[in-house]
Amino acid sequence: MSLLKTFSPDGKDFFVNVNAIMSVQPTGPSSAWHGHRSTLKTITGDRYECGENAASVMEKIARIQASQTGGEQS
């Protein structure tokens, strides 16, 4: 199991199983004003508000998946 380390809008670190993440969506302007930059949705339907932007989260996921398969991330 590979874990993605990210942080909540209040700055606390949390971990999510990369294989359980179904989608990463950017938040709207209202949520962003409160520090929510993206929302992670898991295969079980759980949603996690994230203080990191969606592009950054997707890059981390790609690096983790590349390391799982032995591939290189450019």
C-alpha atoms as a PDB file:
ATOM      1  CA  MET A   1       0.000   0.000   0.000  1.00  0.00           C
ATOM      2  CA  SER A   2       1.373   3.410  -0.970  1.00  0.00           C
ATOM      3  CA  LEU A   3       0.275   6.464   0.932  1.00  0.00           C
ATOM      4  CA  LEU A   4      -0.073  10.005  -0.318  1.00  0.00           C
ATOM      5  CA  LYS A   5       0.964  12.580   2.282  1.00  0.00           C
ATOM      6  CA  THR A   6      -0.838  15.880   1.979  1.00  0.00           C
ATOM      7  CA  PHE A   7      -2.328  18.399   4.377  1.00  0.00           C
ATOM      8  CA  SER A   8      -5.706  19.693   5.429  1.00  0.00           C
ATOM      9  CA  PRO A   9      -6.762  23.341   5.086  1.00  0.00           C
ATOM     10  CA  ASP A  10      -5.736  23.912   8.722  1.00  0.00           C
ATOM     11  CA  GLY A  11      -2.212  22.648   7.975  1.00  0.00           C
ATOM     12  CA  LYS A  12      -2.401  19.192   9.582  1.00  0.00           C
ATOM     13  CA  ASP A  13      -0.771  16.355   7.635  1.00  0.00           C
ATOM     14  CA  PHE A  14      -2.856  13.337   6.645  1.00  0.00           C
ATOM     15  CA  PHE A  15      -2.308  10.228   4.561  1.00  0.00           C
ATOM     16  CA  VAL A  16      -4.546   8.605   1.935  1.00  0.00           C
ATOM     17  CA  ASN A  17      -4.006   5.269   0.180  1.00  0.00           C
ATOM     18  CA  VAL A  18      -3.127   6.179  -3.426  1.00  0.00           C
ATOM     19  CA  ASN A  19      -4.969   3.131  -4.778  1.00  0.00           C
ATOM     20  CA  ALA A  20      -8.175   4.269  -3.043  1.00  0.00           C
ATOM     21  CA  ILE A  21      -8.239   7.744  -4.616  1.00  0.00           C
ATOM     22  CA  MET A  22     -10.871   7.930  -7.325  1.00  0.00           C
ATOM     23  CA  SER A  23     -10.625  11.621  -8.177  1.00  0.00           C
ATOM     24  CA  VAL A  24      -8.954  14.894  -7.287  1.00  0.00           C
ATOM     25  CA  GLN A  25     -10.966  18.019  -7.983  1.00  0.00           C
ATOM     26  CA  PRO A  26     -10.065  21.688  -7.540  1.00  0.00           C
ATOM     27  CA  THR A  27     -12.389  23.624  -5.269  1.00  0.00           C
ATOM     28  CA  GLY A  28     -14.350  26.711  -6.140  1.00  0.00           C
ATOM     29  CA  PRO A  29     -13.412  30.265  -5.147  1.00  0.00           C
ATOM     30  CA  SER A  30     -15.510  30.241  -1.974  1.00  0.00           C
ATOM     31  CA  SER A  31     -13.831  27.105  -0.639  1.00  0.00           C
ATOM     32  CA  ALA A  32     -10.399  28.353  -1.719  1.00  0.00           C
ATOM     33  CA  TRP A  33     -10.951  31.482   0.346  1.00  0.00           C
ATOM     34  CA  HIS A  34     -11.249  29.185   3.399  1.00  0.00           C
ATOM     35  CA  GLY A  35      -8.012  27.365   2.526  1.00  0.00           C
ATOM     36  CA  HIS A  36      -9.534  24.375   0.708  1.00  0.00           C
ATOM     37  CA  ARG A  37      -7.581  23.944  -2.522  1.00  0.00           C
ATOM     38  CA  SER A  38      -8.784  20.513  -3.675  1.00  0.00           C
ATOM     39  CA  THR A  39     -11.061  17.642  -2.726  1.00  0.00           C
ATOM     40  CA  LEU A  40      -9.985  14.000  -2.808  1.00  0.00           C
ATOM     41  CA  LYS A  41     -12.731  11.419  -3.367  1.00  0.00           C
ATOM     42  CA  THR A  42     -12.065   7.767  -2.536  1.00  0.00           C
ATOM     43  CA  ILE A  43     -13.558   4.562  -3.918  1.00  0.00           C
ATOM     44  CA  THR A  44     -15.606   4.254  -0.715  1.00  0.00           C
ATOM     45  CA  GLY A  45     -17.170   7.674  -1.309  1.00  0.00           C
ATOM     46  CA  ASP A  46     -15.216   9.489   1.399  1.00  0.00           C
ATOM     47  CA  ARG A  47     -14.226  13.074   0.625  1.00  0.00           C
ATOM     48  CA  TYR A  48     -11.193  14.835   2.055  1.00  0.00           C
ATOM     49  CA  GLU A  49     -10.652  18.565   1.842  1.00  0.00           C
ATOM     50  CA  CYS A  50      -7.055  19.321   1.047  1.00  0.00           C
ATOM     51  CA  GLY A  51      -5.008  22.487   1.506  1.00  0.00           C
ATOM     52  CA  GLU A  52      -2.877  21.604  -1.516  1.00  0.00           C
ATOM     53  CA  ASN A  53      -3.946  22.429  -5.079  1.00  0.00           C
ATOM     54  CA  ALA A  54      -5.223  19.640  -7.342  1.00  0.00           C
ATOM     55  CA  ALA A  55      -2.283  19.791  -9.787  1.00  0.00           C
ATOM     56  CA  SER A  56       0.220  19.341  -6.969  1.00  0.00           C
ATOM     57  CA  VAL A  57      -1.712  16.376  -5.556  1.00  0.00           C
ATOM     58  CA  MET A  58      -1.908  14.762  -9.014  1.00  0.00           C
ATOM     59  CA  GLU A  59       1.874  15.164  -9.466  1.00  0.00           C
ATOM     60  CA  LYS A  60       2.489  13.398  -6.149  1.00  0.00           C
ATOM     61  CA  ILE A  61       0.133  10.570  -7.138  1.00  0.00           C
ATOM     62  CA  ALA A  62       1.900  10.175 -10.504  1.00  0.00           C
ATOM     63  CA  ARG A  63       5.313   9.973  -8.787  1.00  0.00           C
ATOM     64  CA  ILE A  64       4.064   7.354  -6.332  1.00  0.00           C
ATOM     65  CA  GLN A  65       2.476   5.280  -9.104  1.00  0.00           C
ATOM     66  CA  ALA A  66       5.643   5.529 -11.216  1.00  0.00           C
ATOM     67  CA  SER A  67       7.730   4.281  -8.299  1.00  0.00           C
ATOM     68  CA  GLN A  68       5.306   1.359  -7.812  1.00  0.00           C
ATOM     69  CA  THR A  69       5.755   0.262 -11.414  1.00  0.00           C
ATOM     70  CA  GLY A  70       9.461   1.046 -11.551  1.00  0.00           C
ATOM     71  CA  GLY A  71       8.888   3.762 -14.161  1.00  0.00           C
ATOM     72  CA  GLU A  72      10.433   7.187 -14.293  1.00  0.00           C
ATOM     73  CA  GLN A  73       8.518  10.418 -13.846  1.00  0.00           C
ATOM     74  CA  SER A  74       9.855  13.277 -15.972  1.00  0.00           C
END
